């Protein structure tokens, strides 16, 4: 039987240790093609490049069995390039990450890692975003490799419900300290943000966005609870943003009344 075709991407850039780990794990499962940003693209969300040129560079590595491309665009651009320009058929799986830092709870909205996975999902490709709760460039990804492989294999074997993508986050623990995997809902949380105002030597004001993550959810079925208690969190997310529960209520409004 042919090996599955796996597309690998991320938002930290093609040289990031997280994606190098992900590539190595996926190479144990199938045939791997990598299309990733040529520089860090964190917190880009679902941005695409429409007002400037895009560049794609095939990386030549002697004796390489994996095809790799670096892209000047965003994580979503990378997936679009892969599907429309590079791959001869739709991949069996797209994996994004492993992100250096959390993409749990509300962070999924801003994440370039997850937006790449969502773009694959829009294309009808089973997709997973992986993140480790460690922002260090030299983070240790060894403890999560077996979990990455297990979740990827289960996704290939079972498929995903239509319109569903997996958001997987790993606690920063040793492998023998991780208690297991939990299917969770996204915790309700916000960023309490502020702008740090500073002034250049020339008298011009500039700002740095800062903030504090505030978990407003005490539920024990959330990703934040799972991660805090030593579990890998798996949250199924969707790109259909319709608030279906609100439709009935909105239909009670008299929107067609002539004022």
C-alpha atoms as a PDB file:
ATOM      1  CA  UNK A   1       0.000   0.000   0.000  1.00  0.00           C
ATOM      2  CA  UNK A   2       1.247   3.485  -0.845  1.00  0.00           C
ATOM      3  CA  UNK A   3       2.364   5.628   2.042  1.00  0.00           C
ATOM      4  CA  UNK A   4       0.119   8.562   2.959  1.00  0.00           C
ATOM      5  CA  UNK A   5       1.136  11.943   1.569  1.00  0.00           C
ATOM      6  CA  UNK A   6       1.663  14.414   4.413  1.00  0.00           C
ATOM      7  CA  UNK A   7       1.986  18.190   4.095  1.00  0.00           C
ATOM      8  CA  UNK A   8       3.992  19.857   6.880  1.00  0.00           C
ATOM      9  CA  UNK A   9       3.934  23.583   7.600  1.00  0.00           C
ATOM     10  CA  UNK A  10       4.202  26.017  10.534  1.00  0.00           C
ATOM     11  CA  UNK A  11       4.375  29.688  11.493  1.00  0.00           C
ATOM     12  CA  UNK A  12       7.751  29.827  13.268  1.00  0.00           C
ATOM     13  CA  UNK A  13       9.671  29.412  10.019  1.00  0.00           C
ATOM     14  CA  UNK A  14      11.155  26.469   8.172  1.00  0.00           C
ATOM     15  CA  UNK A  15      14.298  26.350  10.309  1.00  0.00           C
ATOM     16  CA  UNK A  16      12.488  26.263  13.663  1.00  0.00           C
ATOM     17  CA  UNK A  17      13.252  23.244  15.865  1.00  0.00           C
ATOM     18  CA  UNK A  18       9.541  22.543  16.237  1.00  0.00           C
ATOM     19  CA  UNK A  19       8.931  21.931  12.553  1.00  0.00           C
ATOM     20  CA  UNK A  20      12.156  19.947  12.224  1.00  0.00           C
ATOM     21  CA  UNK A  21      10.808  17.617  14.936  1.00  0.00           C
ATOM     22  CA  UNK A  22       7.437  17.372  13.211  1.00  0.00           C
ATOM     23  CA  UNK A  23       9.077  16.555   9.881  1.00  0.00           C
ATOM     24  CA  UNK A  24      11.085  13.750  11.485  1.00  0.00           C
ATOM     25  CA  UNK A  25       7.996  12.206  13.078  1.00  0.00           C
ATOM     26  CA  UNK A  26       5.897  12.447   9.911  1.00  0.00           C
ATOM     27  CA  UNK A  27       8.710  10.831   7.890  1.00  0.00           C
ATOM     28  CA  UNK A  28       8.146   7.698  10.008  1.00  0.00           C
ATOM     29  CA  UNK A  29       4.535   7.609   8.799  1.00  0.00           C
ATOM     30  CA  UNK A  30       4.454   8.690   5.168  1.00  0.00           C
ATOM     31  CA  UNK A  31       5.844  10.681   2.273  1.00  0.00           C
ATOM     32  CA  UNK A  32       6.472  14.226   3.417  1.00  0.00           C
ATOM     33  CA  UNK A  33       6.370  17.538   1.579  1.00  0.00           C
ATOM     34  CA  UNK A  34       7.251  20.676   3.529  1.00  0.00           C
ATOM     35  CA  UNK A  35       6.057  24.171   2.622  1.00  0.00           C
ATOM     36  CA  UNK A  36       6.791  26.649   5.383  1.00  0.00           C
ATOM     37  CA  UNK A  37       7.523  30.369   5.830  1.00  0.00           C
ATOM     38  CA  UNK A  38      11.073  31.537   5.250  1.00  0.00           C
ATOM     39  CA  UNK A  39      10.883  33.600   8.453  1.00  0.00           C
ATOM     40  CA  UNK A  40       8.780  33.676  11.641  1.00  0.00           C
ATOM     41  CA  UNK A  41       5.105  34.467  10.997  1.00  0.00           C
ATOM     42  CA  UNK A  42       3.634  34.085  14.475  1.00  0.00           C
ATOM     43  CA  UNK A  43       0.225  35.622  15.272  1.00  0.00           C
ATOM     44  CA  UNK A  44      -0.538  36.171  11.595  1.00  0.00           C
ATOM     45  CA  UNK A  45      -3.929  34.508  11.957  1.00  0.00           C
ATOM     46  CA  UNK A  46      -5.530  33.710   8.595  1.00  0.00           C
ATOM     47  CA  UNK A  47      -3.706  36.468   6.720  1.00  0.00           C
ATOM     48  CA  UNK A  48      -2.926  35.996   3.037  1.00  0.00           C
ATOM     49  CA  UNK A  49      -0.647  37.990   0.762  1.00  0.00           C
ATOM     50  CA  UNK A  50      -2.506  39.961  -1.906  1.00  0.00           C
ATOM     51  CA  UNK A  51      -0.693  43.310  -2.167  1.00  0.00           C
ATOM     52  CA  UNK A  52       2.867  42.152  -2.728  1.00  0.00           C
ATOM     53  CA  UNK A  53       4.739  39.439  -4.594  1.00  0.00           C
ATOM     54  CA  UNK A  54       5.282  35.939  -3.248  1.00  0.00           C
ATOM     55  CA  UNK A  55       8.432  33.867  -3.627  1.00  0.00           C
ATOM     56  CA  UNK A  56       8.875  30.120  -3.362  1.00  0.00           C
ATOM     57  CA  UNK A  57      12.298  28.531  -2.966  1.00  0.00           C
ATOM     58  CA  UNK A  58      12.932  24.798  -3.261  1.00  0.00           C
ATOM     59  CA  UNK A  59      15.497  23.738  -0.715  1.00  0.00           C
ATOM     60  CA  UNK A  60      18.107  21.398  -2.103  1.00  0.00           C
ATOM     61  CA  UNK A  61      19.611  19.017   0.431  1.00  0.00           C
ATOM     62  CA  UNK A  62      22.030  16.331  -0.707  1.00  0.00           C
ATOM     63  CA  UNK A  63      20.545  12.812  -0.438  1.00  0.00           C
ATOM     64  CA  UNK A  64      17.301  14.263   0.922  1.00  0.00           C
ATOM     65  CA  UNK A  65      14.194  12.076   0.733  1.00  0.00           C
ATOM     66  CA  UNK A  66      11.892  14.902   1.799  1.00  0.00           C
ATOM     67  CA  UNK A  67      10.933  17.743  -0.535  1.00  0.00           C
ATOM     68  CA  UNK A  68      11.054  21.137   1.144  1.00  0.00           C
ATOM     69  CA  UNK A  69      10.051  24.629   0.051  1.00  0.00           C
ATOM     70  CA  UNK A  70      10.373  27.944   1.847  1.00  0.00           C
ATOM     71  CA  UNK A  71       7.779  30.606   1.097  1.00  0.00           C
ATOM     72  CA  UNK A  72       8.016  34.365   1.576  1.00  0.00           C
ATOM     73  CA  UNK A  73       4.362  34.534   2.621  1.00  0.00           C
ATOM     74  CA  UNK A  74       2.164  33.625   5.560  1.00  0.00           C
ATOM     75  CA  UNK A  75       1.341  30.137   6.861  1.00  0.00           C
ATOM     76  CA  UNK A  76      -1.937  30.209   4.918  1.00  0.00           C
ATOM     77  CA  UNK A  77      -0.040  31.226   1.776  1.00  0.00           C
ATOM     78  CA  UNK A  78       2.124  28.129   2.286  1.00  0.00           C
ATOM     79  CA  UNK A  79      -0.868  25.804   2.285  1.00  0.00           C
ATOM     80  CA  UNK A  80      -2.349  27.516  -0.771  1.00  0.00           C
ATOM     81  CA  UNK A  81       0.973  27.130  -2.603  1.00  0.00           C
ATOM     82  CA  UNK A  82       1.188  23.460  -1.655  1.00  0.00           C
ATOM     83  CA  UNK A  83      -2.333  22.611  -2.803  1.00  0.00           C
ATOM     84  CA  UNK A  84      -2.400  24.694  -5.977  1.00  0.00           C
ATOM     85  CA  UNK A  85       1.198  24.745  -7.232  1.00  0.00           C
ATOM     86  CA  UNK A  86       3.310  21.994  -5.722  1.00  0.00           C
ATOM     87  CA  UNK A  87       1.415  18.832  -4.940  1.00  0.00           C
ATOM     88  CA  UNK A  88       0.079  16.668  -7.757  1.00  0.00           C
ATOM     89  CA  UNK A  89      -2.734  15.412  -5.548  1.00  0.00           C
ATOM     90  CA  UNK A  90      -4.439  16.438  -2.342  1.00  0.00           C
ATOM     91  CA  UNK A  91      -2.451  15.262   0.708  1.00  0.00           C
ATOM     92  CA  UNK A  92      -3.904  12.695   3.057  1.00  0.00           C
ATOM     93  CA  UNK A  93      -2.970  14.823   6.062  1.00  0.00           C
ATOM     94  CA  UNK A  94      -1.707  18.314   6.853  1.00  0.00           C
ATOM     95  CA  UNK A  95       0.150  18.953  10.101  1.00  0.00           C
ATOM     96  CA  UNK A  96       1.199  22.381  11.314  1.00  0.00           C
ATOM     97  CA  UNK A  97       3.751  23.137  14.040  1.00  0.00           C
ATOM     98  CA  UNK A  98       5.106  22.116  16.378  1.00  0.00           C
ATOM     99  CA  UNK A  99       4.553  25.668  17.555  1.00  0.00           C
ATOM    100  CA  UNK A 100       6.884  27.221  20.082  1.00  0.00           C
ATOM    101  CA  UNK A 101       4.236  28.376  22.569  1.00  0.00           C
ATOM    102  CA  UNK A 102       0.596  27.843  23.459  1.00  0.00           C
ATOM    103  CA  UNK A 103      -2.303  27.918  21.027  1.00  0.00           C
ATOM    104  CA  UNK A 104      -4.904  26.886  23.577  1.00  0.00           C
ATOM    105  CA  UNK A 105      -8.122  28.742  24.319  1.00  0.00           C
ATOM    106  CA  UNK A 106      -8.548  32.155  22.626  1.00  0.00           C
ATOM    107  CA  UNK A 107      -5.009  31.975  21.208  1.00  0.00           C
ATOM    108  CA  UNK A 108      -6.385  29.812  18.388  1.00  0.00           C
ATOM    109  CA  UNK A 109      -7.925  32.963  16.873  1.00  0.00           C
ATOM    110  CA  UNK A 110      -4.562  34.670  16.400  1.00  0.00           C
ATOM    111  CA  UNK A 111      -2.436  31.641  15.607  1.00  0.00           C
ATOM    112  CA  UNK A 112      -0.661  31.282  12.287  1.00  0.00           C
ATOM    113  CA  UNK A 113      -0.037  27.634  13.150  1.00  0.00           C
ATOM    114  CA  UNK A 114      -3.728  26.918  13.504  1.00  0.00           C
ATOM    115  CA  UNK A 115      -4.745  29.074  10.545  1.00  0.00           C
ATOM    116  CA  UNK A 116      -2.539  26.965   8.289  1.00  0.00           C
ATOM    117  CA  UNK A 117      -4.337  23.860   9.571  1.00  0.00           C
ATOM    118  CA  UNK A 118      -7.710  25.567   9.099  1.00  0.00           C
ATOM    119  CA  UNK A 119      -6.814  26.448   5.501  1.00  0.00           C
ATOM    120  CA  UNK A 120      -6.054  22.788   4.870  1.00  0.00           C
ATOM    121  CA  UNK A 121      -9.393  21.891   6.417  1.00  0.00           C
ATOM    122  CA  UNK A 122     -11.149  24.321   4.085  1.00  0.00           C
ATOM    123  CA  UNK A 123      -9.513  22.396   1.224  1.00  0.00           C
ATOM    124  CA  UNK A 124     -10.995  19.173   2.567  1.00  0.00           C
ATOM    125  CA  UNK A 125      -7.704  17.878   3.993  1.00  0.00           C
ATOM    126  CA  UNK A 126      -7.652  16.301   7.474  1.00  0.00           C
ATOM    127  CA  UNK A 127      -5.515  18.715   9.477  1.00  0.00           C
ATOM    128  CA  UNK A 128      -3.904  19.060  12.894  1.00  0.00           C
ATOM    129  CA  UNK A 129      -2.116  21.950  14.583  1.00  0.00           C
ATOM    130  CA  UNK A 130       0.440  21.014  17.249  1.00  0.00           C
ATOM    131  CA  UNK A 131       1.791  23.386  19.907  1.00  0.00           C
ATOM    132  CA  UNK A 132       4.071  23.062  22.936  1.00  0.00           C
ATOM    133  CA  UNK A 133       3.726  25.347  25.937  1.00  0.00           C
ATOM    134  CA  UNK A 134       7.329  26.499  25.702  1.00  0.00           C
ATOM    135  CA  UNK A 135       8.291  29.681  23.838  1.00  0.00           C
ATOM    136  CA  UNK A 136      12.024  28.956  24.023  1.00  0.00           C
ATOM    137  CA  UNK A 137      13.666  28.513  20.613  1.00  0.00           C
ATOM    138  CA  UNK A 138      15.592  25.616  22.142  1.00  0.00           C
ATOM    139  CA  UNK A 139      12.487  23.963  23.618  1.00  0.00           C
ATOM    140  CA  UNK A 140      12.690  20.210  24.148  1.00  0.00           C
ATOM    141  CA  UNK A 141      10.250  18.519  21.752  1.00  0.00           C
ATOM    142  CA  UNK A 142      11.445  14.983  22.464  1.00  0.00           C
ATOM    143  CA  UNK A 143       8.778  14.256  25.125  1.00  0.00           C
ATOM    144  CA  UNK A 144       5.885  14.941  22.723  1.00  0.00           C
ATOM    145  CA  UNK A 145       7.028  12.965  19.678  1.00  0.00           C
ATOM    146  CA  UNK A 146       5.189   9.763  20.577  1.00  0.00           C
ATOM    147  CA  UNK A 147       1.962  11.710  21.153  1.00  0.00           C
ATOM    148  CA  UNK A 148       2.316  13.533  17.823  1.00  0.00           C
ATOM    149  CA  UNK A 149       2.744  10.214  16.046  1.00  0.00           C
ATOM    150  CA  UNK A 150      -0.196   8.586  17.833  1.00  0.00           C
ATOM    151  CA  UNK A 151      -2.606  11.450  17.075  1.00  0.00           C
ATOM    152  CA  UNK A 152      -1.492  11.652  13.432  1.00  0.00           C
ATOM    153  CA  UNK A 153      -1.916   7.903  12.930  1.00  0.00           C
ATOM    154  CA  UNK A 154      -5.347   7.910  14.538  1.00  0.00           C
ATOM    155  CA  UNK A 155      -6.413  10.798  12.308  1.00  0.00           C
ATOM    156  CA  UNK A 156      -5.230   8.962   9.195  1.00  0.00           C
ATOM    157  CA  UNK A 157      -7.007   5.799  10.315  1.00  0.00           C
ATOM    158  CA  UNK A 158     -10.311   7.314  11.431  1.00  0.00           C
ATOM    159  CA  UNK A 159     -10.563  10.576   9.500  1.00  0.00           C
ATOM    160  CA  UNK A 160     -12.159  13.717  10.908  1.00  0.00           C
ATOM    161  CA  UNK A 161     -15.760  14.949  10.812  1.00  0.00           C
ATOM    162  CA  UNK A 162     -16.454  17.335   7.928  1.00  0.00           C
ATOM    163  CA  UNK A 163     -15.229  20.854   8.606  1.00  0.00           C
ATOM    164  CA  UNK A 164     -13.278  19.829  11.705  1.00  0.00           C
ATOM    165  CA  UNK A 165      -9.605  20.455  12.538  1.00  0.00           C
ATOM    166  CA  UNK A 166      -7.707  19.342  15.631  1.00  0.00           C
ATOM    167  CA  UNK A 167      -5.984  21.851  17.893  1.00  0.00           C
ATOM    168  CA  UNK A 168      -3.448  19.902  19.971  1.00  0.00           C
ATOM    169  CA  UNK A 169      -1.461  21.469  22.813  1.00  0.00           C
ATOM    170  CA  UNK A 170       1.247  19.826  24.906  1.00  0.00           C
ATOM    171  CA  UNK A 171       2.191  20.753  28.476  1.00  0.00           C
ATOM    172  CA  UNK A 172       5.860  21.478  29.110  1.00  0.00           C
ATOM    173  CA  UNK A 173       6.646  18.211  30.874  1.00  0.00           C
ATOM    174  CA  UNK A 174       8.839  15.157  30.526  1.00  0.00           C
ATOM    175  CA  UNK A 175       7.242  12.275  28.641  1.00  0.00           C
ATOM    176  CA  UNK A 176       6.760  10.154  31.759  1.00  0.00           C
ATOM    177  CA  UNK A 177       5.084  13.117  33.490  1.00  0.00           C
ATOM    178  CA  UNK A 178       2.378  13.566  30.838  1.00  0.00           C
ATOM    179  CA  UNK A 179      -0.768  11.876  32.181  1.00  0.00           C
ATOM    180  CA  UNK A 180      -2.438  11.195  28.847  1.00  0.00           C
ATOM    181  CA  UNK A 181      -4.604  12.790  26.177  1.00  0.00           C
ATOM    182  CA  UNK A 182      -7.921  14.547  26.790  1.00  0.00           C
ATOM    183  CA  UNK A 183     -10.554  15.625  24.274  1.00  0.00           C
ATOM    184  CA  UNK A 184     -11.553  19.104  25.437  1.00  0.00           C
ATOM    185  CA  UNK A 185     -13.503  22.215  24.652  1.00  0.00           C
ATOM    186  CA  UNK A 186     -11.842  25.582  24.206  1.00  0.00           C
ATOM    187  CA  UNK A 187     -11.651  27.468  27.502  1.00  0.00           C
ATOM    188  CA  UNK A 188     -13.259  30.891  27.747  1.00  0.00           C
ATOM    189  CA  UNK A 189     -10.386  33.310  28.246  1.00  0.00           C
ATOM    190  CA  UNK A 190      -9.191  36.744  27.160  1.00  0.00           C
ATOM    191  CA  UNK A 191      -6.020  38.741  26.897  1.00  0.00           C
ATOM    192  CA  UNK A 192      -6.075  41.773  29.221  1.00  0.00           C
ATOM    193  CA  UNK A 193      -4.078  43.965  26.883  1.00  0.00           C
ATOM    194  CA  UNK A 194      -2.346  47.289  27.052  1.00  0.00           C
ATOM    195  CA  UNK A 195       0.149  49.219  24.976  1.00  0.00           C
ATOM    196  CA  UNK A 196       3.554  50.052  26.398  1.00  0.00           C
ATOM    197  CA  UNK A 197       4.178  53.582  25.125  1.00  0.00           C
ATOM    198  CA  UNK A 198       7.783  54.653  24.566  1.00  0.00           C
ATOM    199  CA  UNK A 199       9.581  57.490  22.807  1.00  0.00           C
ATOM    200  CA  UNK A 200      12.465  57.383  20.350  1.00  0.00           C
ATOM    201  CA  UNK A 201      15.538  59.619  20.823  1.00  0.00           C
ATOM    202  CA  UNK A 202      13.970  61.792  18.107  1.00  0.00           C
ATOM    203  CA  UNK A 203      10.816  62.356  20.131  1.00  0.00           C
ATOM    204  CA  UNK A 204       8.488  60.060  18.190  1.00  0.00           C
ATOM    205  CA  UNK A 205       6.126  57.851  20.159  1.00  0.00           C
ATOM    206  CA  UNK A 206       5.999  54.117  19.535  1.00  0.00           C
ATOM    207  CA  UNK A 207       4.195  51.219  21.175  1.00  0.00           C
ATOM    208  CA  UNK A 208       4.649  47.574  22.181  1.00  0.00           C
ATOM    209  CA  UNK A 209       1.558  45.451  22.667  1.00  0.00           C
ATOM    210  CA  UNK A 210       1.655  43.683  26.027  1.00  0.00           C
ATOM    211  CA  UNK A 211      -0.915  41.763  27.978  1.00  0.00           C
ATOM    212  CA  UNK A 212      -1.830  39.142  30.528  1.00  0.00           C
ATOM    213  CA  UNK A 213      -3.689  35.933  29.726  1.00  0.00           C
ATOM    214  CA  UNK A 214      -6.814  35.659  31.891  1.00  0.00           C
ATOM    215  CA  UNK A 215      -8.618  32.308  32.082  1.00  0.00           C
ATOM    216  CA  UNK A 216     -12.268  33.004  32.921  1.00  0.00           C
ATOM    217  CA  UNK A 217     -13.299  29.353  32.787  1.00  0.00           C
ATOM    218  CA  UNK A 218     -13.320  27.023  35.797  1.00  0.00           C
ATOM    219  CA  UNK A 219     -14.594  24.013  33.854  1.00  0.00           C
ATOM    220  CA  UNK A 220     -12.692  20.739  34.104  1.00  0.00           C
ATOM    221  CA  UNK A 221     -13.465  19.853  30.486  1.00  0.00           C
ATOM    222  CA  UNK A 222     -11.373  22.656  28.954  1.00  0.00           C
ATOM    223  CA  UNK A 223      -7.995  22.723  27.282  1.00  0.00           C
ATOM    224  CA  UNK A 224      -6.609  25.048  29.955  1.00  0.00           C
ATOM    225  CA  UNK A 225      -7.620  22.667  32.734  1.00  0.00           C
ATOM    226  CA  UNK A 226      -6.111  19.691  30.905  1.00  0.00           C
ATOM    227  CA  UNK A 227      -2.796  21.427  30.296  1.00  0.00           C
ATOM    228  CA  UNK A 228      -2.584  22.719  33.854  1.00  0.00           C
ATOM    229  CA  UNK A 229      -3.126  19.186  35.143  1.00  0.00           C
ATOM    230  CA  UNK A 230      -0.548  17.497  32.933  1.00  0.00           C
ATOM    231  CA  UNK A 231      -2.636  16.274  30.003  1.00  0.00           C
ATOM    232  CA  UNK A 232      -2.311  16.777  26.266  1.00  0.00           C
ATOM    233  CA  UNK A 233      -5.361  18.765  25.132  1.00  0.00           C
ATOM    234  CA  UNK A 234      -7.139  17.966  21.858  1.00  0.00           C
ATOM    235  CA  UNK A 235      -9.829  20.452  20.831  1.00  0.00           C
ATOM    236  CA  UNK A 236     -11.884  19.910  17.661  1.00  0.00           C
ATOM    237  CA  UNK A 237     -12.403  23.292  16.005  1.00  0.00           C
ATOM    238  CA  UNK A 238     -14.313  24.417  12.926  1.00  0.00           C
ATOM    239  CA  UNK A 239     -14.126  27.126  10.294  1.00  0.00           C
ATOM    240  CA  UNK A 240     -17.912  27.507  10.016  1.00  0.00           C
ATOM    241  CA  UNK A 241     -18.247  30.518  12.305  1.00  0.00           C
ATOM    242  CA  UNK A 242     -22.045  30.596  12.227  1.00  0.00           C
ATOM    243  CA  UNK A 243     -23.520  30.966  15.727  1.00  0.00           C
ATOM    244  CA  UNK A 244     -26.231  28.387  15.048  1.00  0.00           C
ATOM    245  CA  UNK A 245     -27.688  28.755  18.546  1.00  0.00           C
ATOM    246  CA  UNK A 246     -28.441  32.432  17.838  1.00  0.00           C
ATOM    247  CA  UNK A 247     -30.453  31.974  14.644  1.00  0.00           C
ATOM    248  CA  UNK A 248     -33.757  31.209  16.358  1.00  0.00           C
ATOM    249  CA  UNK A 249     -33.429  34.236  18.631  1.00  0.00           C
ATOM    250  CA  UNK A 250     -32.525  36.582  15.789  1.00  0.00           C
ATOM    251  CA  UNK A 251     -35.571  35.362  13.880  1.00  0.00           C
ATOM    252  CA  UNK A 252     -37.715  36.935  16.614  1.00  0.00           C
ATOM    253  CA  UNK A 253     -36.431  40.386  15.674  1.00  0.00           C
ATOM    254  CA  UNK A 254     -38.728  42.451  13.474  1.00  0.00           C
ATOM    255  CA  UNK A 255     -36.080  43.175  10.887  1.00  0.00           C
ATOM    256  CA  UNK A 256     -38.521  43.597   7.998  1.00  0.00           C
ATOM    257  CA  UNK A 257     -40.656  46.219   9.703  1.00  0.00           C
ATOM    258  CA  UNK A 258     -40.925  49.517   7.843  1.00  0.00           C
ATOM    259  CA  UNK A 259     -39.709  52.252  10.156  1.00  0.00           C
END
